[in-house]
Amino acid sequence: MSETVDRWNAALRRAWRAGTLWPWCLAVIAAVCGYAVATVFHPGYLSADSNTQLGQALGDEPVNDWHPPVMALAWRIIIRITGDFSAMADLQAAVLWGTLWVLARLGWKKTGSRGLSLVVLAVGFAPHIMNFTGVVWKDVHLAYALLAVFAIALTVRELPQDRARTRWALLALGLLFLVYAALVRKNGIPAAIPVFALLVLAAWPAPGRRRWMAATGVFVAAVIAGSAGVSAATAPLTTRVYAVIPVDDLVHVLTPAQVRAAAEQAGASPDLRDRLVATAVTCQKQHITSDAYLQCFPRGRPFDVTYLNQRADVLVRMWTQQMPKHWKGYAEYRGQVFTKLLFQSNQTFWNGTHVNAGARLNPEVRKQPLNDTLRFALQNYVTGFARDLPMLFQGWFWLAVSLVLVLRRRWAGPYSRELRLLGASSLLYVLAYLPTAPESNYRYVYWPALSGTVALALITIAAVADRRAAADAHADVPDARPTVPPAGRAPDAAPGRIVPSGRLAFAPHRSTT
């Protein structure tokens, strides 16, 4: 028995020294951290949006496309499998920490440094990332799905040539995540395009025009098929929610008198005309600068999500008739809303205990109250950093990070092209809010914050690894200056050998073609 134990101990020591045991240690650490984060958020923090989506998933109310039907469908499937709505928040934590483990494992394989691989896992505890890990929001789903595709692309890139089946299986999984990201956030497609390029370049490092066209066709077909499948499974009510954007522009750019004249010119009904005028007056009196349809528009109770469906054409016609004539005011208004989003992002922490006025948490949620002790601890952690390092929670900072990622021609380490594409995804996502931002909210820049943090972690790892490798190589190089041996002493017969260490240097990338 003692000999068996000794053999096991010896095998474990050899595995530890060889490094084959460390990826599994990283997996255990990631699993423990993910479980801890899921425990803090249990059973999941809900807002008015996610509270509505839970009702749709449970079948308490019909599905509509005001919020993404794909999320309601996914939640419905998870509830049927597990029997518990809280599994959605647990799944979010699992996807994030599983993705971070994949990235940490890649960092370990490239550098051989245990400490540097832990840097990637630490991203999950960053206050501006952890604050929403258990909040069931479509913004969180978009961010975690895109990050998963990024990790899958890097994994596929490193696979040897004889792992064709594994490569194609991972590419299919990445495509599934990518399609979900495109469907779960209406403005997520611009962010998905550069990440889609990551998948293509992982499969073919130098794809030709035909491969690009074929891959693009597959992606577009998958998005269309996914959208059709979700619609067939949920039969969502049509809301044409995009009409809230022209409402915002019209009532903030035009005066109430101009809104009335514009409505009459566009052929709006008296009811819609009067409501738009009342909206403009209310927003002006209360100094509400955005989100006019939800904040100022006279609406009945309960909230009719289909009200805009029959009136969207009129609102779009009003917008196209008036905005060209008031282009200066439109540019000023959109600049005001966008700069507020960048520099005054609110809602850095969502406590999950209440929803909007006039609504109540779903009864299933009230059966599982949040742990107030853990909630207050998390709130203190997040709000403390928001006070001391406010740039972490502001869009301008992550917009600047994405610009730097895109504009720098070369980054240290093996992922220079991937980092530029990751920055492009964040940049496009932020810029997509320039004509559409409904309000100032930190969750709208959650994906740029997550991708930027991961990119900064990878850049830091590359810089530290290169510096340590250079220091090791420099230490192994003998002093090349000519020396005069003391009298009576002959010079060394053999010069010292240069032994480049390279222990922490990034390993060269193997082509997958």
Protein backbone atom coordinates (compact mmCIF):
# COMPACT_ATOMS: atom_id res chain seq x y z
CA MET A 1 0.00 0.00 0.00
CA SER A 2 2.78 2.42 0.91
CA GLU A 3 4.53 1.66 -2.38
CA THR A 4 1.35 2.52 -4.30
CA VAL A 5 1.01 5.80 -2.42
CA ASP A 6 4.66 6.59 -3.10
CA ARG A 7 4.17 5.92 -6.81
CA TRP A 8 1.12 8.14 -6.88
CA ASN A 9 2.99 10.92 -5.08
CA ALA A 10 5.92 10.59 -7.43
CA ALA A 11 3.60 10.69 -10.46
CA LEU A 12 1.85 13.77 -9.13
CA ARG A 13 5.15 15.52 -8.50
CA ARG A 14 6.32 14.73 -12.02
CA ALA A 15 3.02 15.96 -13.47
CA TRP A 16 3.29 19.15 -11.43
CA ARG A 17 6.84 19.81 -12.55
CA ALA A 18 5.95 18.99 -16.16
CA GLY A 19 2.95 21.31 -16.04
CA THR A 20 0.36 18.75 -17.15
CA LEU A 21 -1.46 19.07 -13.81
CA TRP A 22 -1.82 22.87 -13.81
CA PRO A 23 -4.66 23.17 -16.41
CA TRP A 24 -6.76 20.91 -14.19
CA CYS A 25 -5.88 23.05 -11.19
CA LEU A 26 -7.06 26.06 -13.16
CA ALA A 27 -10.30 24.23 -13.91
CA VAL A 28 -10.87 23.54 -10.21
CA ILE A 29 -10.12 27.16 -9.32
CA ALA A 30 -12.48 28.43 -12.02
CA ALA A 31 -15.23 26.05 -10.89
CA VAL A 32 -14.90 27.14 -7.26
CA CYS A 33 -14.90 30.82 -8.23
CA GLY A 34 -17.90 30.38 -10.52
CA TYR A 35 -19.80 28.56 -7.79
CA ALA A 36 -18.98 31.31 -5.30
CA VAL A 37 -20.17 34.05 -7.67
CA ALA A 38 -23.36 32.12 -8.48
CA THR A 39 -24.00 31.76 -4.74
CA VAL A 40 -23.72 35.51 -4.24
CA PHE A 41 -26.28 36.18 -6.98
CA HIS A 42 -28.65 33.29 -6.24
CA PRO A 43 -31.38 32.98 -7.46
CA GLY A 44 -30.45 35.68 -9.98
CA TYR A 45 -30.94 39.44 -10.00
CA LEU A 46 -33.87 40.55 -12.16
CA SER A 47 -34.83 43.91 -13.61
CA ALA A 48 -38.14 44.88 -15.19
CA ASP A 49 -36.88 43.49 -18.52
CA SER A 50 -35.78 40.14 -17.14
CA ASN A 51 -38.85 39.95 -14.90
CA THR A 52 -40.98 40.21 -18.04
CA GLN A 53 -38.87 37.64 -19.84
CA LEU A 54 -39.25 35.23 -16.92
CA GLY A 55 -43.02 35.58 -17.15
CA GLN A 56 -42.78 34.73 -20.84
CA ALA A 57 -40.53 31.76 -20.13
CA LEU A 58 -42.96 30.43 -17.53
CA GLY A 59 -45.90 30.94 -19.88
CA ASP A 60 -47.58 33.51 -17.62
CA GLU A 61 -47.73 36.04 -20.47
CA PRO A 62 -47.33 35.85 -24.25
CA VAL A 63 -43.91 36.27 -25.78
CA ASN A 64 -43.33 39.52 -27.67
CA ASP A 65 -40.38 40.89 -29.58
CA TRP A 66 -39.95 43.99 -27.39
CA HIS A 67 -37.35 41.85 -25.64
CA PRO A 68 -35.48 39.05 -27.47
CA PRO A 69 -37.71 35.99 -27.86
CA VAL A 70 -34.59 33.81 -28.09
CA MET A 71 -33.79 34.62 -24.46
CA ALA A 72 -37.31 33.75 -23.32
CA LEU A 73 -37.07 30.49 -25.28
CA ALA A 74 -33.66 29.62 -23.82
CA TRP A 75 -34.94 30.35 -20.32
CA ARG A 76 -38.03 28.21 -20.95
CA ILE A 77 -35.84 25.29 -22.01
CA ILE A 78 -33.58 25.68 -18.97
CA ILE A 79 -36.57 25.77 -16.62
CA ARG A 80 -38.01 22.61 -18.19
CA ILE A 81 -34.68 20.82 -17.82
CA THR A 82 -33.83 21.94 -14.28
CA GLY A 83 -37.23 22.89 -12.87
CA ASP A 84 -35.77 26.11 -11.43
CA PHE A 85 -35.64 29.61 -12.94
CA SER A 86 -32.42 30.36 -11.02
CA ALA A 87 -30.51 28.02 -13.34
CA MET A 88 -30.27 30.87 -15.86
CA ALA A 89 -28.12 32.98 -13.53
CA ASP A 90 -26.05 29.89 -12.71
CA LEU A 91 -25.56 29.24 -16.41
CA GLN A 92 -24.33 32.80 -16.94
CA ALA A 93 -21.69 32.33 -14.25
CA ALA A 94 -20.72 28.94 -15.71
CA VAL A 95 -20.28 30.36 -19.22
CA LEU A 96 -18.15 33.26 -18.00
CA TRP A 97 -15.88 31.23 -15.74
CA GLY A 98 -15.65 28.36 -18.23
CA THR A 99 -14.54 30.84 -20.90
CA LEU A 100 -12.00 32.41 -18.57
CA TRP A 101 -10.64 28.95 -17.81
CA VAL A 102 -10.15 28.29 -21.53
CA LEU A 103 -8.30 31.60 -21.92
CA ALA A 104 -6.22 30.96 -18.77
CA ARG A 105 -5.30 27.51 -20.06
CA LEU A 106 -4.16 29.01 -23.36
CA GLY A 107 -2.12 31.58 -21.47
CA TRP A 108 -0.47 28.80 -19.46
CA LYS A 109 0.38 26.83 -22.60
CA LYS A 110 1.93 29.92 -24.18
CA THR A 111 3.94 31.21 -21.22
CA GLY A 112 4.38 28.32 -18.81
CA SER A 113 3.72 30.77 -15.97
CA ARG A 114 1.16 29.78 -13.36
CA GLY A 115 0.91 33.31 -12.00
CA LEU A 116 0.22 34.85 -15.41
CA SER A 117 -2.48 32.28 -16.16
CA LEU A 118 -4.24 33.28 -12.94
CA VAL A 119 -4.38 36.87 -14.18
CA VAL A 120 -7.01 35.83 -16.73
CA LEU A 121 -9.16 34.16 -14.09
CA ALA A 122 -8.95 37.33 -12.00
CA VAL A 123 -10.97 39.12 -14.70
CA GLY A 124 -14.09 37.40 -13.36
CA PHE A 125 -13.64 39.16 -10.00
CA ALA A 126 -13.09 42.63 -11.49
CA PRO A 127 -15.77 44.90 -9.97
CA HIS A 128 -16.98 46.21 -13.34
CA ILE A 129 -17.40 42.61 -14.57
CA MET A 130 -18.66 40.81 -11.49
CA ASN A 131 -21.37 43.43 -10.85
CA PHE A 132 -23.60 41.97 -13.60
CA THR A 133 -22.53 38.32 -13.69
CA GLY A 134 -25.75 37.17 -12.04
CA VAL A 135 -28.09 39.83 -13.45
CA VAL A 136 -30.28 38.18 -16.08
CA TRP A 137 -29.94 40.72 -18.88
CA LYS A 138 -29.66 40.39 -22.64
CA ASP A 139 -26.59 42.66 -22.46
CA VAL A 140 -24.86 40.10 -20.23
CA HIS A 141 -25.86 37.25 -22.55
CA LEU A 142 -24.43 39.12 -25.55
CA ALA A 143 -21.14 39.79 -23.78
CA TYR A 144 -20.62 36.23 -22.52
CA ALA A 145 -21.61 34.67 -25.85
CA LEU A 146 -19.15 36.84 -27.79
CA LEU A 147 -16.37 36.17 -25.28
CA ALA A 148 -17.05 32.42 -25.60
CA VAL A 149 -16.65 32.71 -29.39
CA PHE A 150 -13.35 34.55 -28.87
CA ALA A 151 -12.06 31.76 -26.61
CA ILE A 152 -13.24 29.08 -29.05
CA ALA A 153 -11.48 30.83 -31.94
CA LEU A 154 -8.19 30.95 -30.03
CA THR A 155 -8.56 27.27 -29.10
CA VAL A 156 -9.23 26.22 -32.70
CA ARG A 157 -6.21 28.20 -33.82
CA GLU A 158 -3.93 26.15 -31.60
CA LEU A 159 -5.24 22.69 -32.54
CA PRO A 160 -2.85 20.43 -34.47
CA GLN A 161 -3.64 19.40 -38.02
CA ASP A 162 -4.82 15.91 -37.09
CA ARG A 163 -7.66 17.22 -34.90
CA ALA A 164 -10.03 18.02 -37.77
CA ARG A 165 -13.16 16.66 -36.06
CA THR A 166 -12.49 18.60 -32.89
CA ARG A 167 -11.84 21.74 -34.91
CA TRP A 168 -15.13 21.54 -36.79
CA ALA A 169 -17.06 20.68 -33.64
CA LEU A 170 -15.64 23.75 -31.90
CA LEU A 171 -16.38 25.92 -34.93
CA ALA A 172 -19.99 24.72 -34.89
CA LEU A 173 -20.21 25.56 -31.18
CA GLY A 174 -18.73 28.99 -31.86
CA LEU A 175 -21.26 29.58 -34.62
CA LEU A 176 -24.06 28.64 -32.22
CA PHE A 177 -22.85 31.17 -29.65
CA LEU A 178 -22.45 33.78 -32.38
CA VAL A 179 -25.97 33.29 -33.71
CA TYR A 180 -27.33 33.57 -30.17
CA ALA A 181 -25.41 36.83 -29.68
CA ALA A 182 -26.85 38.24 -32.91
CA LEU A 183 -30.40 37.33 -31.86
CA VAL A 184 -30.29 38.26 -28.19
CA ARG A 185 -29.45 41.95 -28.76
CA LYS A 186 -30.95 43.86 -31.67
CA ASN A 187 -27.82 45.99 -32.06
CA GLY A 188 -25.47 43.08 -31.42
CA ILE A 189 -24.85 42.25 -35.09
CA PRO A 190 -22.20 45.00 -35.58
CA ALA A 191 -20.30 43.57 -32.61
CA ALA A 192 -20.70 40.02 -33.93
CA ILE A 193 -19.13 40.74 -37.34
CA PRO A 194 -15.47 41.07 -36.17
CA VAL A 195 -15.93 38.08 -33.85
CA PHE A 196 -17.26 36.12 -36.83
CA ALA A 197 -14.03 37.04 -38.63
CA LEU A 198 -12.13 35.53 -35.69
CA LEU A 199 -13.83 32.20 -36.28
CA VAL A 200 -13.08 32.26 -40.00
CA LEU A 201 -9.42 33.14 -39.43
CA ALA A 202 -9.16 30.39 -36.82
CA ALA A 203 -10.33 27.83 -39.38
CA TRP A 204 -8.28 29.27 -42.26
CA PRO A 205 -5.41 31.61 -41.33
CA ALA A 206 -5.38 33.03 -44.87
CA PRO A 207 -8.86 32.50 -46.34
CA GLY A 208 -9.48 33.44 -49.94
CA ARG A 209 -12.47 35.27 -51.35
CA ARG A 210 -14.47 32.10 -51.89
CA ARG A 211 -13.99 30.94 -48.31
CA TRP A 212 -14.98 34.35 -46.99
CA MET A 213 -18.12 34.32 -49.12
CA ALA A 214 -18.98 30.75 -48.15
CA ALA A 215 -18.43 31.40 -44.46
CA THR A 216 -20.47 34.60 -44.61
CA GLY A 217 -23.28 32.76 -46.35
CA VAL A 218 -23.29 30.09 -43.65
CA PHE A 219 -23.38 32.74 -40.91
CA VAL A 220 -26.22 34.70 -42.52
CA ALA A 221 -28.18 31.51 -43.18
CA ALA A 222 -27.67 30.39 -39.58
CA VAL A 223 -28.94 33.73 -38.23
CA ILE A 224 -31.99 33.64 -40.52
CA ALA A 225 -32.72 30.02 -39.66
CA GLY A 226 -32.25 30.69 -35.95
CA SER A 227 -34.60 33.67 -36.07
CA ALA A 228 -37.21 31.67 -37.97
CA GLY A 229 -36.90 28.76 -35.54
CA VAL A 230 -37.30 31.00 -32.50
CA SER A 231 -40.34 32.69 -34.06
CA ALA A 232 -41.90 29.31 -34.84
CA ALA A 233 -41.31 28.10 -31.28
CA THR A 234 -42.52 31.23 -29.47
CA ALA A 235 -44.94 32.97 -31.92
CA PRO A 236 -43.99 36.41 -30.51
CA LEU A 237 -46.32 39.39 -30.72
CA THR A 238 -45.01 42.05 -33.08
CA THR A 239 -44.18 45.34 -31.31
CA ARG A 240 -41.92 47.17 -33.79
CA VAL A 241 -40.05 48.52 -30.81
CA TYR A 242 -37.62 50.38 -33.08
CA ALA A 243 -40.26 53.13 -33.26
CA VAL A 244 -39.18 54.39 -29.81
CA ILE A 245 -36.11 55.91 -31.50
CA PRO A 246 -38.03 58.35 -33.75
CA VAL A 247 -40.26 59.19 -30.77
CA ASP A 248 -37.17 60.21 -28.79
CA ASP A 249 -35.76 62.28 -31.65
CA LEU A 250 -39.02 64.02 -32.54
CA VAL A 251 -40.03 65.13 -29.05
CA HIS A 252 -36.52 66.31 -28.12
CA VAL A 253 -35.55 68.03 -31.36
CA LEU A 254 -38.89 69.69 -32.17
CA THR A 255 -40.98 72.02 -30.05
CA PRO A 256 -44.46 70.86 -28.97
CA ALA A 257 -46.00 73.06 -31.66
CA GLN A 258 -43.67 71.62 -34.28
CA VAL A 259 -44.49 68.07 -33.10
CA ARG A 260 -48.21 68.78 -33.60
CA ALA A 261 -47.63 70.18 -37.10
CA ALA A 262 -45.35 67.26 -38.02
CA ALA A 263 -47.92 64.71 -36.83
CA GLU A 264 -50.66 66.34 -38.90
CA GLN A 265 -48.40 66.49 -41.95
CA ALA A 266 -47.56 62.79 -41.65
CA GLY A 267 -51.20 61.78 -41.28
CA ALA A 268 -51.04 60.70 -37.63
CA SER A 269 -54.26 59.97 -35.80
CA PRO A 270 -55.51 62.59 -33.33
CA ASP A 271 -54.74 60.18 -30.47
CA LEU A 272 -51.12 59.71 -31.50
CA ARG A 273 -50.72 63.42 -32.25
CA ASP A 274 -51.97 64.46 -28.82
CA ARG A 275 -49.85 61.87 -27.05
CA LEU A 276 -46.72 63.00 -28.87
CA VAL A 277 -47.40 66.62 -27.97
CA ALA A 278 -47.99 65.64 -24.34
CA THR A 279 -44.74 63.66 -24.41
CA ALA A 280 -42.78 66.67 -25.65
CA VAL A 281 -44.32 68.91 -22.97
CA THR A 282 -43.69 66.41 -20.15
CA CYS A 283 -40.06 65.77 -21.12
CA GLN A 284 -39.44 69.50 -21.38
CA LYS A 285 -40.98 70.28 -17.98
CA GLN A 286 -39.26 67.43 -16.18
CA HIS A 287 -35.93 67.88 -18.01
CA ILE A 288 -35.95 64.28 -19.23
CA THR A 289 -33.44 64.05 -22.04
CA SER A 290 -33.95 60.49 -23.27
CA ASP A 291 -36.13 57.39 -23.19
CA ALA A 292 -39.18 59.52 -23.90
CA TYR A 293 -41.56 56.70 -24.75
CA LEU A 294 -41.12 54.99 -21.37
CA GLN A 295 -40.62 58.15 -19.29
CA CYS A 296 -42.95 60.76 -20.80
CA PHE A 297 -45.39 59.13 -23.21
CA PRO A 298 -48.98 58.94 -21.85
CA ARG A 299 -49.71 55.23 -21.59
CA GLY A 300 -52.54 53.26 -20.13
CA ARG A 301 -52.32 50.47 -17.58
CA PRO A 302 -51.30 47.77 -18.12
CA PHE A 303 -48.55 48.67 -20.52
CA ASP A 304 -49.58 47.81 -24.10
CA VAL A 305 -46.43 46.63 -25.88
CA THR A 306 -48.26 46.48 -29.21
CA TYR A 307 -49.27 50.16 -29.24
CA LEU A 308 -46.41 51.15 -31.55
CA ASN A 309 -47.00 48.28 -33.95
CA GLN A 310 -49.78 50.04 -35.88
CA ARG A 311 -48.17 53.47 -35.60
CA ALA A 312 -44.53 52.77 -36.43
CA ASP A 313 -44.94 53.73 -40.10
CA VAL A 314 -46.35 57.13 -39.20
CA LEU A 315 -43.55 57.78 -36.71
CA VAL A 316 -40.89 56.83 -39.23
CA ARG A 317 -42.55 59.09 -41.80
CA MET A 318 -42.55 61.96 -39.33
CA TRP A 319 -38.87 61.35 -38.66
CA THR A 320 -37.87 61.27 -42.34
CA GLN A 321 -39.86 64.43 -43.04
CA GLN A 322 -38.57 66.47 -40.11
CA MET A 323 -35.01 65.41 -39.24
CA PRO A 324 -33.44 66.56 -42.55
CA LYS A 325 -34.93 70.00 -41.94
CA HIS A 326 -33.72 70.03 -38.33
CA TRP A 327 -30.41 68.22 -38.89
CA LYS A 328 -28.47 70.56 -36.65
CA GLY A 329 -30.80 70.04 -33.72
CA TYR A 330 -30.80 66.30 -34.37
CA ALA A 331 -26.98 66.16 -34.36
CA GLU A 332 -26.85 68.21 -31.16
CA TYR A 333 -29.43 66.02 -29.44
CA ARG A 334 -27.80 62.74 -30.43
CA GLY A 335 -24.41 64.11 -29.40
CA GLN A 336 -25.87 65.02 -26.01
CA VAL A 337 -27.31 61.54 -25.40
CA PHE A 338 -24.18 59.77 -26.65
CA THR A 339 -21.78 61.83 -24.56
CA LYS A 340 -23.95 61.22 -21.51
CA LEU A 341 -23.72 57.50 -22.21
CA LEU A 342 -19.93 57.76 -22.45
CA PHE A 343 -19.25 60.05 -19.50
CA GLN A 344 -22.16 59.63 -17.07
CA SER A 345 -23.12 55.97 -17.23
CA ASN A 346 -25.46 55.13 -14.38
CA GLN A 347 -26.66 51.88 -12.84
CA THR A 348 -23.24 50.41 -12.15
CA PHE A 349 -24.89 48.03 -9.69
CA TRP A 350 -28.33 46.41 -9.86
CA ASN A 351 -29.52 45.00 -6.55
CA GLY A 352 -32.26 42.81 -8.04
CA THR A 353 -34.83 43.46 -5.31
CA HIS A 354 -37.17 45.72 -7.26
CA VAL A 355 -38.43 46.42 -10.75
CA ASN A 356 -39.94 49.50 -12.36
CA ALA A 357 -42.84 51.34 -10.77
CA GLY A 358 -46.15 49.61 -11.29
CA ALA A 359 -44.60 46.16 -11.65
CA ARG A 360 -43.87 43.40 -9.16
CA LEU A 361 -41.32 40.63 -9.11
CA ASN A 362 -42.58 37.32 -10.39
CA PRO A 363 -44.06 35.13 -7.60
CA GLU A 364 -41.44 32.47 -8.35
CA VAL A 365 -38.75 35.05 -7.58
CA ARG A 366 -40.37 36.11 -4.33
CA LYS A 367 -40.26 32.51 -3.15
CA GLN A 368 -36.45 32.65 -3.21
CA PRO A 369 -35.37 35.97 -1.65
CA LEU A 370 -31.84 37.22 -2.17
CA ASN A 371 -29.17 36.84 0.50
CA ASP A 372 -29.03 40.39 1.83
CA THR A 373 -25.67 39.88 3.53
CA LEU A 374 -23.97 38.83 0.30
CA ARG A 375 -25.89 41.42 -1.70
CA PHE A 376 -24.70 44.28 0.51
CA ALA A 377 -21.14 42.94 0.45
CA LEU A 378 -21.21 42.87 -3.36
CA GLN A 379 -22.75 46.33 -3.47
CA ASN A 380 -20.06 47.76 -1.21
CA TYR A 381 -17.37 46.15 -3.35
CA VAL A 382 -18.75 47.49 -6.63
CA THR A 383 -19.75 50.96 -5.49
CA GLY A 384 -16.44 51.42 -3.71
CA PHE A 385 -14.55 50.87 -6.95
CA ALA A 386 -17.08 53.02 -8.81
CA ARG A 387 -16.17 55.83 -6.42
CA ASP A 388 -12.40 55.32 -6.47
CA LEU A 389 -11.93 54.17 -10.09
CA PRO A 390 -14.94 55.60 -11.91
CA MET A 391 -13.42 55.15 -15.37
CA LEU A 392 -13.97 51.40 -15.10
CA PHE A 393 -17.70 52.02 -15.29
CA GLN A 394 -17.71 54.71 -17.97
CA GLY A 395 -18.08 54.22 -21.70
CA TRP A 396 -15.39 56.71 -22.74
CA PHE A 397 -12.67 54.61 -21.11
CA TRP A 398 -13.64 51.41 -22.89
CA LEU A 399 -14.17 53.29 -26.14
CA ALA A 400 -10.60 54.56 -25.81
CA VAL A 401 -9.34 51.04 -25.08
CA SER A 402 -11.09 49.69 -28.17
CA LEU A 403 -9.62 52.48 -30.31
CA VAL A 404 -6.11 51.70 -29.08
CA LEU A 405 -6.63 47.98 -29.74
CA VAL A 406 -7.74 48.71 -33.30
CA LEU A 407 -5.22 51.40 -34.23
CA ARG A 408 -2.03 49.80 -32.90
CA ARG A 409 -0.49 47.80 -35.73
CA ARG A 410 1.23 45.18 -33.63
CA TRP A 411 0.76 43.82 -30.14
CA ALA A 412 3.22 41.69 -28.21
CA GLY A 413 2.40 38.02 -28.04
CA PRO A 414 0.71 35.67 -30.50
CA TYR A 415 -2.73 37.31 -30.57
CA SER A 416 -2.09 40.66 -32.23
CA ARG A 417 -4.69 40.21 -34.98
CA GLU A 418 -7.22 38.73 -32.58
CA LEU A 419 -6.85 41.68 -30.19
CA ARG A 420 -7.45 44.16 -33.02
CA LEU A 421 -10.61 42.32 -34.06
CA LEU A 422 -11.77 42.21 -30.44
CA GLY A 423 -11.26 45.96 -30.25
CA ALA A 424 -13.15 46.41 -33.52
CA SER A 425 -16.10 44.49 -32.09
CA SER A 426 -16.24 46.78 -29.05
CA LEU A 427 -15.78 49.89 -31.16
CA LEU A 428 -18.61 49.01 -33.54
CA TYR A 429 -20.88 48.14 -30.65
CA VAL A 430 -20.34 51.47 -28.91
CA LEU A 431 -20.68 53.49 -32.12
CA ALA A 432 -23.95 51.71 -32.91
CA TYR A 433 -25.43 53.55 -29.94
CA LEU A 434 -24.69 56.97 -31.45
CA PRO A 435 -28.04 57.16 -33.32
CA THR A 436 -29.96 54.78 -31.07
CA ALA A 437 -28.96 55.17 -27.39
CA PRO A 438 -32.18 55.38 -25.36
CA GLU A 439 -30.49 56.47 -22.13
CA SER A 440 -27.24 56.47 -20.17
CA ASN A 441 -26.71 53.02 -18.74
CA TYR A 442 -23.52 51.13 -17.96
CA ARG A 443 -24.97 47.83 -19.16
CA TYR A 444 -24.92 49.23 -22.71
CA VAL A 445 -21.11 49.19 -22.58
CA TYR A 446 -20.78 45.92 -20.68
CA TRP A 447 -19.43 44.04 -23.70
CA PRO A 448 -16.73 46.67 -24.42
CA ALA A 449 -15.83 46.60 -20.72
CA LEU A 450 -15.52 42.80 -20.66
CA SER A 451 -13.66 42.49 -23.95
CA GLY A 452 -11.39 45.41 -23.09
CA THR A 453 -10.54 43.91 -19.70
CA VAL A 454 -9.70 40.53 -21.25
CA ALA A 455 -7.62 42.25 -23.92
CA LEU A 456 -5.70 44.24 -21.31
CA ALA A 457 -5.08 41.03 -19.35
CA LEU A 458 -3.69 39.26 -22.44
CA ILE A 459 -1.53 42.27 -23.31
CA THR A 460 -0.18 42.38 -19.75
CA ILE A 461 0.61 38.67 -19.84
CA ALA A 462 2.44 39.08 -23.16
CA ALA A 463 4.44 42.07 -21.92
CA VAL A 464 5.46 40.38 -18.66
CA ALA A 465 6.34 37.13 -20.43
CA ASP A 466 8.48 38.90 -23.02
CA ARG A 467 10.22 40.99 -20.39
CA ARG A 468 11.03 37.96 -18.24
CA ALA A 469 12.26 36.04 -21.27
CA ALA A 470 14.45 38.96 -22.31
CA ALA A 471 15.82 39.25 -18.77
CA ASP A 472 16.61 35.53 -18.65
CA ALA A 473 18.34 35.68 -22.03
CA HIS A 474 20.31 38.75 -20.98
CA ALA A 475 21.40 37.04 -17.77
CA ASP A 476 22.74 34.08 -19.77
CA VAL A 477 24.84 36.27 -22.11
CA PRO A 478 28.41 36.80 -20.84
CA ASP A 479 29.94 40.25 -20.74
CA ALA A 480 31.13 40.86 -24.29
CA ARG A 481 33.53 43.71 -23.38
CA PRO A 482 37.22 42.86 -23.93
CA THR A 483 39.09 42.34 -20.73
CA VAL A 484 42.77 42.29 -20.04
CA PRO A 485 43.73 39.34 -17.90
CA PRO A 486 45.89 40.06 -14.91
CA ALA A 487 49.61 39.63 -15.32
CA GLY A 488 50.72 36.06 -15.18
CA ARG A 489 47.22 34.77 -15.98
CA ALA A 490 46.11 33.42 -19.35
CA PRO A 491 42.69 34.32 -20.80
CA ASP A 492 39.93 31.78 -20.62
CA ALA A 493 40.42 29.03 -23.13
CA ALA A 494 36.75 28.82 -24.10
CA PRO A 495 34.25 31.65 -24.24
CA GLY A 496 31.00 31.32 -22.35
CA ARG A 497 28.03 29.78 -24.27
CA ILE A 498 24.85 31.73 -24.87
CA VAL A 499 21.91 29.70 -23.59
CA PRO A 500 18.66 31.46 -24.37
CA SER A 501 16.14 30.61 -21.74
CA GLY A 502 12.84 31.57 -23.37
CA ARG A 503 11.02 29.81 -20.57
CA LEU A 504 8.30 32.46 -20.39
CA ALA A 505 8.35 33.50 -24.02
CA PHE A 506 5.25 32.86 -26.08
CA ALA A 507 5.41 29.69 -28.12
CA PRO A 508 5.19 30.12 -31.89
CA HIS A 509 1.80 29.66 -33.48
CA ARG A 510 1.29 26.45 -35.41
CA SER A 511 -0.57 26.79 -38.66
CA THR A 512 -3.79 24.82 -38.84
CA THR A 513 -3.73 24.40 -42.59
